[in-house]
């Protein structure tokens, strides 16, 4: 395998994890700050992607084309459901005393 293939597979894995996670976090209608939402979406999406990879392998369909199709479908699902939009920035809920520290 060439280094380009390995790097592109890693980038695709991160993007698909974030896509799955954003769809799930937004479907749950959690009210989070922007950074919290992205971090939680990546972590949750990684778990979802892990389960999808396990099921794909358990069914005997673990091939490069199947993984590319799963990635493409996750992107299409995320774009069609508009789950990729970042929430607006909210005011920091910290009191002024804590901000001064």
PDB file of N, CA and C in Angstrom:
ATOM      1  N   UNK A   1       0.831  -1.179   0.000  1.00  0.00           N
ATOM      2  CA  UNK A   1       0.000   0.000   0.000  1.00  0.00           C
ATOM      3  C   UNK A   1       0.877   1.243   0.000  1.00  0.00           C
ATOM      4  N   UNK A   2       0.457   2.208  -0.765  1.00  0.00           N
ATOM      5  CA  UNK A   2       1.225   3.445  -0.826  1.00  0.00           C
ATOM      6  C   UNK A   2       0.836   4.366   0.344  1.00  0.00           C
ATOM      7  N   UNK A   3       1.718   5.276   0.693  1.00  0.00           N
ATOM      8  CA  UNK A   3       1.404   6.205   1.789  1.00  0.00           C
ATOM      9  C   UNK A   3       0.179   7.081   1.488  1.00  0.00           C
ATOM     10  N   UNK A   4      -0.034   7.405   0.232  1.00  0.00           N
ATOM     11  CA  UNK A   4      -1.200   8.218  -0.142  1.00  0.00           C
ATOM     12  C   UNK A   4      -2.487   7.459   0.160  1.00  0.00           C
ATOM     13  N   UNK A   5      -2.511   6.183  -0.118  1.00  0.00           N
ATOM     14  CA  UNK A   5      -3.692   5.367   0.156  1.00  0.00           C
ATOM     15  C   UNK A   5      -3.960   5.297   1.653  1.00  0.00           C
ATOM     16  N   UNK A   6      -2.910   5.125   2.430  1.00  0.00           N
ATOM     17  CA  UNK A   6      -3.059   5.033   3.885  1.00  0.00           C
ATOM     18  C   UNK A   6      -3.567   6.348   4.464  1.00  0.00           C
ATOM     19  N   UNK A   7      -3.008   7.475   4.025  1.00  0.00           N
ATOM     20  CA  UNK A   7      -3.442   8.784   4.519  1.00  0.00           C
ATOM     21  C   UNK A   7      -4.875   9.103   4.099  1.00  0.00           C
ATOM     22  N   UNK A   8      -5.225   8.768   2.874  1.00  0.00           N
ATOM     23  CA  UNK A   8      -6.588   9.049   2.425  1.00  0.00           C
ATOM     24  C   UNK A   8      -7.601   8.168   3.167  1.00  0.00           C
ATOM     25  N   UNK A   9      -7.231   6.936   3.490  1.00  0.00           N
ATOM     26  CA  UNK A   9      -8.123   6.066   4.267  1.00  0.00           C
ATOM     27  C   UNK A   9      -8.316   6.619   5.681  1.00  0.00           C
ATOM     28  N   UNK A  10      -7.264   7.147   6.265  1.00  0.00           N
ATOM     29  CA  UNK A  10      -7.379   7.758   7.590  1.00  0.00           C
ATOM     30  C   UNK A  10      -8.258   8.995   7.574  1.00  0.00           C
ATOM     31  N   UNK A  11      -8.082   9.829   6.558  1.00  0.00           N
ATOM     32  CA  UNK A  11      -8.920  11.031   6.439  1.00  0.00           C
ATOM     33  C   UNK A  11     -10.380  10.655   6.196  1.00  0.00           C
ATOM     34  N   UNK A  12     -10.615   9.640   5.388  1.00  0.00           N
ATOM     35  CA  UNK A  12     -11.983   9.192   5.138  1.00  0.00           C
ATOM     36  C   UNK A  12     -12.614   8.654   6.421  1.00  0.00           C
ATOM     37  N   UNK A  13     -11.843   7.946   7.221  1.00  0.00           N
ATOM     38  CA  UNK A  13     -12.354   7.410   8.480  1.00  0.00           C
ATOM     39  C   UNK A  13     -12.763   8.535   9.427  1.00  0.00           C
ATOM     40  N   UNK A  14     -11.948   9.560   9.531  1.00  0.00           N
ATOM     41  CA  UNK A  14     -12.272  10.701  10.396  1.00  0.00           C
ATOM     42  C   UNK A  14     -13.525  11.408   9.880  1.00  0.00           C
ATOM     43  N   UNK A  15     -13.606  11.629   8.574  1.00  0.00           N
ATOM     44  CA  UNK A  15     -14.751  12.336   8.002  1.00  0.00           C
ATOM     45  C   UNK A  15     -16.049  11.539   8.163  1.00  0.00           C
ATOM     46  N   UNK A  16     -15.986  10.232   7.962  1.00  0.00           N
ATOM     47  CA  UNK A  16     -17.185   9.399   8.098  1.00  0.00           C
ATOM     48  C   UNK A  16     -17.604   9.325   9.567  1.00  0.00           C
ATOM     49  N   UNK A  17     -16.653   9.239  10.476  1.00  0.00           N
ATOM     50  CA  UNK A  17     -16.986   9.233  11.901  1.00  0.00           C
ATOM     51  C   UNK A  17     -17.691  10.528  12.293  1.00  0.00           C
ATOM     52  N   UNK A  18     -17.174  11.642  11.823  1.00  0.00           N
ATOM     53  CA  UNK A  18     -17.796  12.927  12.124  1.00  0.00           C
ATOM     54  C   UNK A  18     -19.178  13.032  11.487  1.00  0.00           C
ATOM     55  N   UNK A  19     -19.319  12.516  10.286  1.00  0.00           N
ATOM     56  CA  UNK A  19     -20.611  12.550   9.601  1.00  0.00           C
ATOM     57  C   UNK A  19     -21.663  11.734  10.343  1.00  0.00           C
ATOM     58  N   UNK A  20     -21.324  10.505  10.703  1.00  0.00           N
ATOM     59  CA  UNK A  20     -22.254   9.665  11.466  1.00  0.00           C
ATOM     60  C   UNK A  20     -22.601  10.325  12.805  1.00  0.00           C
ATOM     61  N   UNK A  21     -21.595  10.861  13.468  1.00  0.00           N
ATOM     62  CA  UNK A  21     -21.811  11.477  14.768  1.00  0.00           C
ATOM     63  C   UNK A  21     -22.682  12.716  14.702  1.00  0.00           C
ATOM     64  N   UNK A  22     -22.465  13.571  13.693  1.00  0.00           N
ATOM     65  CA  UNK A  22     -23.293  14.761  13.556  1.00  0.00           C
ATOM     66  C   UNK A  22     -24.748  14.399  13.288  1.00  0.00           C
ATOM     67  N   UNK A  23     -24.958  13.368  12.485  1.00  0.00           N
ATOM     68  CA  UNK A  23     -26.336  12.942  12.236  1.00  0.00           C
ATOM     69  C   UNK A  23     -26.988  12.450  13.520  1.00  0.00           C
ATOM     70  N   UNK A  24     -26.255  11.699  14.325  1.00  0.00           N
ATOM     71  CA  UNK A  24     -26.817  11.149  15.557  1.00  0.00           C
ATOM     72  C   UNK A  24     -27.022  12.221  16.627  1.00  0.00           C
ATOM     73  N   UNK A  25     -26.036  13.089  16.827  1.00  0.00           N
ATOM     74  CA  UNK A  25     -26.148  14.130  17.848  1.00  0.00           C
ATOM     75  C   UNK A  25     -27.284  15.096  17.507  1.00  0.00           C
ATOM     76  N   UNK A  26     -27.415  15.456  16.240  1.00  0.00           N
ATOM     77  CA  UNK A  26     -28.502  16.356  15.856  1.00  0.00           C
ATOM     78  C   UNK A  26     -29.855  15.667  15.910  1.00  0.00           C
ATOM     79  N   UNK A  27     -29.896  14.374  15.649  1.00  0.00           N
ATOM     80  CA  UNK A  27     -31.162  13.648  15.748  1.00  0.00           C
ATOM     81  C   UNK A  27     -31.633  13.587  17.204  1.00  0.00           C
ATOM     82  N   UNK A  28     -30.682  13.568  18.132  1.00  0.00           N
ATOM     83  CA  UNK A  28     -31.033  13.562  19.556  1.00  0.00           C
ATOM     84  C   UNK A  28     -31.387  14.948  20.076  1.00  0.00           C
ATOM     85  N   UNK A  29     -31.173  15.977  19.254  1.00  0.00           N
ATOM     86  CA  UNK A  29     -31.487  17.371  19.588  1.00  0.00           C
ATOM     87  C   UNK A  29     -30.825  17.828  20.884  1.00  0.00           C
ATOM     88  N   UNK A  30     -29.535  17.524  20.997  1.00  0.00           N
ATOM     89  CA  UNK A  30     -28.778  17.969  22.160  1.00  0.00           C
ATOM     90  C   UNK A  30     -28.366  19.429  21.968  1.00  0.00           C
ATOM     91  N   UNK A  31     -28.470  20.219  23.000  1.00  0.00           N
ATOM     92  CA  UNK A  31     -28.091  21.625  22.939  1.00  0.00           C
ATOM     93  C   UNK A  31     -26.677  21.766  23.493  1.00  0.00           C
ATOM     94  N   UNK A  32     -25.716  21.843  22.595  1.00  0.00           N
ATOM     95  CA  UNK A  32     -24.313  21.905  22.976  1.00  0.00           C
ATOM     96  C   UNK A  32     -23.648  23.090  22.304  1.00  0.00           C
ATOM     97  N   UNK A  33     -22.510  23.496  22.847  1.00  0.00           N
ATOM     98  CA  UNK A  33     -21.684  24.488  22.178  1.00  0.00           C
ATOM     99  C   UNK A  33     -21.061  23.859  20.942  1.00  0.00           C
ATOM    100  N   UNK A  34     -20.526  24.693  20.070  1.00  0.00           N
ATOM    101  CA  UNK A  34     -19.993  24.213  18.800  1.00  0.00           C
ATOM    102  C   UNK A  34     -18.876  23.189  18.977  1.00  0.00           C
ATOM    103  N   UNK A  35     -17.904  23.493  19.830  1.00  0.00           N
ATOM    104  CA  UNK A  35     -16.783  22.577  20.026  1.00  0.00           C
ATOM    105  C   UNK A  35     -17.231  21.299  20.721  1.00  0.00           C
ATOM    106  N   UNK A  36     -18.122  21.429  21.699  1.00  0.00           N
ATOM    107  CA  UNK A  36     -18.648  20.242  22.372  1.00  0.00           C
ATOM    108  C   UNK A  36     -19.360  19.337  21.377  1.00  0.00           C
ATOM    109  N   UNK A  37     -20.119  19.944  20.498  1.00  0.00           N
ATOM    110  CA  UNK A  37     -20.880  19.171  19.516  1.00  0.00           C
ATOM    111  C   UNK A  37     -19.949  18.417  18.572  1.00  0.00           C
ATOM    112  N   UNK A  38     -18.898  19.081  18.107  1.00  0.00           N
ATOM    113  CA  UNK A  38     -17.979  18.423  17.176  1.00  0.00           C
ATOM    114  C   UNK A  38     -17.202  17.292  17.846  1.00  0.00           C
ATOM    115  N   UNK A  39     -16.740  17.520  19.063  1.00  0.00           N
ATOM    116  CA  UNK A  39     -15.972  16.481  19.765  1.00  0.00           C
ATOM    117  C   UNK A  39     -16.865  15.285  20.091  1.00  0.00           C
ATOM    118  N   UNK A  40     -18.063  15.567  20.625  1.00  0.00           N
ATOM    119  CA  UNK A  40     -18.983  14.480  20.950  1.00  0.00           C
ATOM    120  C   UNK A  40     -19.424  13.743  19.689  1.00  0.00           C
ATOM    121  N   UNK A  41     -19.642  14.487  18.606  1.00  0.00           N
ATOM    122  CA  UNK A  41     -20.048  13.858  17.349  1.00  0.00           C
ATOM    123  C   UNK A  41     -18.953  12.931  16.825  1.00  0.00           C
ATOM    124  N   UNK A  42     -17.705  13.343  16.948  1.00  0.00           N
ATOM    125  CA  UNK A  42     -16.614  12.479  16.485  1.00  0.00           C
ATOM    126  C   UNK A  42     -16.525  11.205  17.317  1.00  0.00           C
ATOM    127  N   UNK A  43     -16.660  11.338  18.628  1.00  0.00           N
ATOM    128  CA  UNK A  43     -16.551  10.169  19.503  1.00  0.00           C
ATOM    129  C   UNK A  43     -17.711   9.205  19.269  1.00  0.00           C
ATOM    130  N   UNK A  44     -18.927   9.750  19.213  1.00  0.00           N
ATOM    131  CA  UNK A  44     -20.108   8.902  18.987  1.00  0.00           C
ATOM    132  C   UNK A  44     -20.074   8.305  17.580  1.00  0.00           C
ATOM    133  N   UNK A  45     -19.664   9.114  16.615  1.00  0.00           N
ATOM    134  CA  UNK A  45     -19.576   8.629  15.241  1.00  0.00           C
ATOM    135  C   UNK A  45     -18.544   7.530  15.070  1.00  0.00           C
ATOM    136  N   UNK A  46     -17.469   7.597  15.843  1.00  0.00           N
ATOM    137  CA  UNK A  46     -16.466   6.526  15.801  1.00  0.00           C
ATOM    138  C   UNK A  46     -17.050   5.209  16.281  1.00  0.00           C
ATOM    139  N   UNK A  47     -17.880   5.284  17.316  1.00  0.00           N
ATOM    140  CA  UNK A  47     -18.540   4.066  17.810  1.00  0.00           C
ATOM    141  C   UNK A  47     -19.519   3.516  16.773  1.00  0.00           C
ATOM    142  N   UNK A  48     -20.261   4.403  16.128  1.00  0.00           N
ATOM    143  CA  UNK A  48     -21.199   3.967  15.088  1.00  0.00           C
ATOM    144  C   UNK A  48     -20.436   3.338  13.922  1.00  0.00           C
ATOM    145  N   UNK A  49     -19.366   3.994  13.498  1.00  0.00           N
ATOM    146  CA  UNK A  49     -18.569   3.457  12.392  1.00  0.00           C
ATOM    147  C   UNK A  49     -17.952   2.113  12.761  1.00  0.00           C
ATOM    148  N   UNK A  50     -17.516   1.967  13.999  1.00  0.00           N
ATOM    149  CA  UNK A  50     -16.959   0.688  14.440  1.00  0.00           C
ATOM    150  C   UNK A  50     -17.988  -0.428  14.331  1.00  0.00           C
ATOM    151  N   UNK A  51     -19.227  -0.129  14.722  1.00  0.00           N
ATOM    152  CA  UNK A  51     -20.286  -1.134  14.604  1.00  0.00           C
ATOM    153  C   UNK A  51     -20.605  -1.449  13.147  1.00  0.00           C
ATOM    154  N   UNK A  52     -20.591  -0.437  12.296  1.00  0.00           N
ATOM    155  CA  UNK A  52     -20.858  -0.653  10.872  1.00  0.00           C
ATOM    156  C   UNK A  52     -19.762  -1.522  10.250  1.00  0.00           C
ATOM    157  N   UNK A  53     -18.513  -1.249  10.612  1.00  0.00           N
ATOM    158  CA  UNK A  53     -17.395  -2.058  10.096  1.00  0.00           C
ATOM    159  C   UNK A  53     -17.497  -3.490  10.604  1.00  0.00           C
ATOM    160  N   UNK A  54     -17.856  -3.666  11.878  1.00  0.00           N
ATOM    161  CA  UNK A  54     -18.011  -5.013  12.419  1.00  0.00           C
ATOM    162  C   UNK A  54     -19.105  -5.780  11.680  1.00  0.00           C
ATOM    163  N   UNK A  55     -20.251  -5.134  11.485  1.00  0.00           N
ATOM    164  CA  UNK A  55     -21.343  -5.808  10.777  1.00  0.00           C
ATOM    165  C   UNK A  55     -20.979  -6.127   9.331  1.00  0.00           C
ATOM    166  N   UNK A  56     -20.262  -5.225   8.697  1.00  0.00           N
ATOM    167  CA  UNK A  56     -19.822  -5.470   7.318  1.00  0.00           C
ATOM    168  C   UNK A  56     -18.882  -6.666   7.258  1.00  0.00           C
ATOM    169  N   UNK A  57     -17.956  -6.734   8.197  1.00  0.00           N
ATOM    170  CA  UNK A  57     -17.030  -7.863   8.229  1.00  0.00           C
ATOM    171  C   UNK A  57     -17.739  -9.158   8.611  1.00  0.00           C
ATOM    172  N   UNK A  58     -18.705  -9.067   9.530  1.00  0.00           N
ATOM    173  CA  UNK A  58     -19.429 -10.269   9.950  1.00  0.00           C
ATOM    174  C   UNK A  58     -20.262 -10.840   8.803  1.00  0.00           C
ATOM    175  N   UNK A  59     -20.727  -9.966   7.920  1.00  0.00           N
ATOM    176  CA  UNK A  59     -21.492 -10.428   6.757  1.00  0.00           C
ATOM    177  C   UNK A  59     -20.596 -10.875   5.609  1.00  0.00           C
ATOM    178  N   UNK A  60     -19.290 -10.712   5.768  1.00  0.00           N
ATOM    179  CA  UNK A  60     -18.345 -11.149   4.743  1.00  0.00           C
ATOM    180  C   UNK A  60     -18.248 -10.197   3.567  1.00  0.00           C
ATOM    181  N   UNK A  61     -18.592  -8.942   3.781  1.00  0.00           N
ATOM    182  CA  UNK A  61     -18.579  -7.958   2.699  1.00  0.00           C
ATOM    183  C   UNK A  61     -17.525  -6.883   2.897  1.00  0.00           C
ATOM    184  N   UNK A  62     -16.478  -7.168   3.636  1.00  0.00           N
ATOM    185  CA  UNK A  62     -15.443  -6.176   3.936  1.00  0.00           C
ATOM    186  C   UNK A  62     -14.514  -6.017   2.737  1.00  0.00           C
ATOM    187  N   UNK A  63     -14.881  -5.082   1.865  1.00  0.00           N
ATOM    188  CA  UNK A  63     -14.080  -4.769   0.685  1.00  0.00           C
ATOM    189  C   UNK A  63     -13.920  -3.261   0.584  1.00  0.00           C
ATOM    190  N   UNK A  64     -12.910  -2.824  -0.158  1.00  0.00           N
ATOM    191  CA  UNK A  64     -12.665  -1.399  -0.297  1.00  0.00           C
ATOM    192  C   UNK A  64     -13.870  -0.687  -0.910  1.00  0.00           C
ATOM    193  N   UNK A  65     -14.483  -1.285  -1.899  1.00  0.00           N
ATOM    194  CA  UNK A  65     -15.621  -0.642  -2.553  1.00  0.00           C
ATOM    195  C   UNK A  65     -16.816  -0.496  -1.609  1.00  0.00           C
ATOM    196  N   UNK A  66     -17.012  -1.460  -0.728  1.00  0.00           N
ATOM    197  CA  UNK A  66     -18.122  -1.389   0.227  1.00  0.00           C
ATOM    198  C   UNK A  66     -17.864  -0.268   1.235  1.00  0.00           C
ATOM    199  N   UNK A  67     -16.629  -0.135   1.695  1.00  0.00           N
ATOM    200  CA  UNK A  67     -16.311   0.930   2.641  1.00  0.00           C
ATOM    201  C   UNK A  67     -16.423   2.305   1.994  1.00  0.00           C
ATOM    202  N   UNK A  68     -16.030   2.419   0.725  1.00  0.00           N
ATOM    203  CA  UNK A  68     -16.198   3.684   0.013  1.00  0.00           C
ATOM    204  C   UNK A  68     -17.675   4.018  -0.161  1.00  0.00           C
ATOM    205  N   UNK A  69     -18.486   3.008  -0.417  1.00  0.00           N
ATOM    206  CA  UNK A  69     -19.925   3.216  -0.549  1.00  0.00           C
ATOM    207  C   UNK A  69     -20.534   3.665   0.782  1.00  0.00           C
ATOM    208  N   UNK A  70     -20.119   3.048   1.878  1.00  0.00           N
ATOM    209  CA  UNK A  70     -20.601   3.454   3.207  1.00  0.00           C
ATOM    210  C   UNK A  70     -20.215   4.904   3.486  1.00  0.00           C
ATOM    211  N   UNK A  71     -18.991   5.268   3.143  1.00  0.00           N
ATOM    212  CA  UNK A  71     -18.547   6.652   3.331  1.00  0.00           C
ATOM    213  C   UNK A  71     -19.350   7.627   2.491  1.00  0.00           C
ATOM    214  N   UNK A  72     -19.575   7.278   1.245  1.00  0.00           N
ATOM    215  CA  UNK A  72     -20.351   8.156   0.362  1.00  0.00           C
ATOM    216  C   UNK A  72     -21.784   8.299   0.855  1.00  0.00           C
ATOM    217  N   UNK A  73     -22.366   7.207   1.307  1.00  0.00           N
ATOM    218  CA  UNK A  73     -23.738   7.268   1.818  1.00  0.00           C
ATOM    219  C   UNK A  73     -23.831   8.101   3.092  1.00  0.00           C
ATOM    220  N   UNK A  74     -22.804   8.032   3.933  1.00  0.00           N
ATOM    221  CA  UNK A  74     -22.832   8.845   5.156  1.00  0.00           C
ATOM    222  C   UNK A  74     -22.733  10.331   4.816  1.00  0.00           C
ATOM    223  N   UNK A  75     -21.917  10.681   3.812  1.00  0.00           N
ATOM    224  CA  UNK A  75     -21.817  12.075   3.394  1.00  0.00           C
ATOM    225  C   UNK A  75     -23.124  12.567   2.794  1.00  0.00           C
ATOM    226  N   UNK A  76     -23.730  11.744   1.949  1.00  0.00           N
ATOM    227  CA  UNK A  76     -25.003  12.121   1.324  1.00  0.00           C
ATOM    228  C   UNK A  76     -26.085  12.278   2.391  1.00  0.00           C
ATOM    229  N   UNK A  77     -26.127  11.356   3.332  1.00  0.00           N
ATOM    230  CA  UNK A  77     -27.109  11.457   4.409  1.00  0.00           C
ATOM    231  C   UNK A  77     -26.911  12.696   5.261  1.00  0.00           C
ATOM    232  N   UNK A  78     -25.673  13.035   5.528  1.00  0.00           N
ATOM    233  CA  UNK A  78     -25.372  14.204   6.335  1.00  0.00           C
ATOM    234  C   UNK A  78     -25.741  15.486   5.581  1.00  0.00           C
ATOM    235  N   UNK A  79     -25.444  15.530   4.303  1.00  0.00           N
ATOM    236  CA  UNK A  79     -25.755  16.724   3.513  1.00  0.00           C
ATOM    237  C   UNK A  79     -27.255  16.872   3.304  1.00  0.00           C
ATOM    238  N   UNK A  80     -27.939  15.793   2.997  1.00  0.00           N
ATOM    239  CA  UNK A  80     -29.383  15.873   2.766  1.00  0.00           C
ATOM    240  C   UNK A  80     -30.149  16.228   4.034  1.00  0.00           C
ATOM    241  N   UNK A  81     -29.669  15.783   5.177  1.00  0.00           N
ATOM    242  CA  UNK A  81     -30.361  16.101   6.421  1.00  0.00           C
ATOM    243  C   UNK A  81     -29.870  17.416   7.024  1.00  0.00           C
ATOM    244  N   UNK A  82     -28.911  18.061   6.367  1.00  0.00           N
ATOM    245  CA  UNK A  82     -28.329  19.333   6.820  1.00  0.00           C
ATOM    246  C   UNK A  82     -27.779  19.233   8.234  1.00  0.00           C
ATOM    247  N   UNK A  83     -27.183  18.102   8.560  1.00  0.00           N
ATOM    248  CA  UNK A  83     -26.632  17.888   9.891  1.00  0.00           C
ATOM    249  C   UNK A  83     -25.224  18.444  10.022  1.00  0.00           C
ATOM    250  N   UNK A  84     -24.672  18.976   8.953  1.00  0.00           N
ATOM    251  CA  UNK A  84     -23.302  19.448   8.989  1.00  0.00           C
ATOM    252  C   UNK A  84     -23.208  20.898   9.448  1.00  0.00           C
ATOM    253  N   UNK A  85     -24.333  21.602   9.496  1.00  0.00           N
ATOM    254  CA  UNK A  85     -24.314  23.021   9.854  1.00  0.00           C
ATOM    255  C   UNK A  85     -23.925  23.196  11.318  1.00  0.00           C
ATOM    256  N   UNK A  86     -23.005  24.097  11.548  1.00  0.00           N
ATOM    257  CA  UNK A  86     -22.552  24.361  12.920  1.00  0.00           C
ATOM    258  C   UNK A  86     -23.585  25.227  13.627  1.00  0.00           C
ATOM    259  N   UNK A  87     -23.790  24.979  14.904  1.00  0.00           N
ATOM    260  CA  UNK A  87     -24.749  25.801  15.646  1.00  0.00           C
ATOM    261  C   UNK A  87     -24.198  27.210  15.834  1.00  0.00           C
ATOM    262  N   UNK A  88     -25.059  28.179  16.038  1.00  0.00           N
ATOM    263  CA  UNK A  88     -24.569  29.543  16.270  1.00  0.00           C
ATOM    264  C   UNK A  88     -23.826  29.627  17.602  1.00  0.00           C
ATOM    265  N   UNK A  89     -22.904  30.557  17.668  1.00  0.00           N
ATOM    266  CA  UNK A  89     -22.157  30.746  18.905  1.00  0.00           C
ATOM    267  C   UNK A  89     -23.067  31.339  19.969  1.00  0.00           C
ATOM    268  N   UNK A  90     -22.965  30.799  21.180  1.00  0.00           N
ATOM    269  CA  UNK A  90     -23.750  31.306  22.299  1.00  0.00           C
ATOM    270  C   UNK A  90     -22.821  31.994  23.279  1.00  0.00           C
ATOM    271  N   UNK A  91     -23.412  32.784  24.124  1.00  0.00           N
ATOM    272  CA  UNK A  91     -22.624  33.447  25.153  1.00  0.00           C
ATOM    273  C   UNK A  91     -22.066  32.415  26.125  1.00  0.00           C
ATOM    274  N   UNK A  92     -20.920  32.718  26.662  1.00  0.00           N
ATOM    275  CA  UNK A  92     -20.304  31.840  27.655  1.00  0.00           C
ATOM    276  C   UNK A  92     -21.101  31.937  28.953  1.00  0.00           C
ATOM    277  N   UNK A  93     -21.545  30.819  29.522  1.00  0.00           N
ATOM    278  CA  UNK A  93     -22.383  30.887  30.717  1.00  0.00           C
ATOM    279  C   UNK A  93     -21.620  31.169  32.019  1.00  0.00           C
ATOM    280  N   UNK A  94     -20.327  31.415  31.940  1.00  0.00           N
ATOM    281  CA  UNK A  94     -19.554  31.673  33.153  1.00  0.00           C
ATOM    282  C   UNK A  94     -19.884  33.049  33.717  1.00  0.00           C
ATOM    283  N   UNK A  95     -19.984  33.144  35.039  1.00  0.00           N
ATOM    284  CA  UNK A  95     -20.199  34.459  35.657  1.00  0.00           C
ATOM    285  C   UNK A  95     -18.955  35.335  35.498  1.00  0.00           C
ATOM    286  N   UNK A  96     -19.142  36.615  35.670  1.00  0.00           N
ATOM    287  CA  UNK A  96     -18.043  37.578  35.488  1.00  0.00           C
ATOM    288  C   UNK A  96     -16.896  37.315  36.465  1.00  0.00           C
ATOM    289  N   UNK A  97     -17.204  36.859  37.687  1.00  0.00           N
ATOM    290  CA  UNK A  97     -16.139  36.590  38.671  1.00  0.00           C
ATOM    291  C   UNK A  97     -15.179  35.522  38.153  1.00  0.00           C
ATOM    292  N   UNK A  98     -15.699  34.500  37.520  1.00  0.00           N
ATOM    293  CA  UNK A  98     -14.855  33.432  37.005  1.00  0.00           C
ATOM    294  C   UNK A  98     -14.077  33.899  35.787  1.00  0.00           C
ATOM    295  N   UNK A  99     -14.647  34.776  35.011  1.00  0.00           N
ATOM    296  CA  UNK A  99     -13.931  35.295  33.837  1.00  0.00           C
ATOM    297  C   UNK A  99     -12.741  36.135  34.250  1.00  0.00           C
ATOM    298  N   UNK A 100     -12.866  36.837  35.365  1.00  0.00           N
ATOM    299  CA  UNK A 100     -11.780  37.687  35.835  1.00  0.00           C
ATOM    300  C   UNK A 100     -10.603  36.879  36.373  1.00  0.00           C
ATOM    301  N   UNK A 101     -10.852  35.667  36.821  1.00  0.00           N
ATOM    302  CA  UNK A 101      -9.762  34.816  37.317  1.00  0.00           C
ATOM    303  C   UNK A 101      -8.935  34.383  36.169  1.00  0.00           C
TER     304      UNK A 101
END
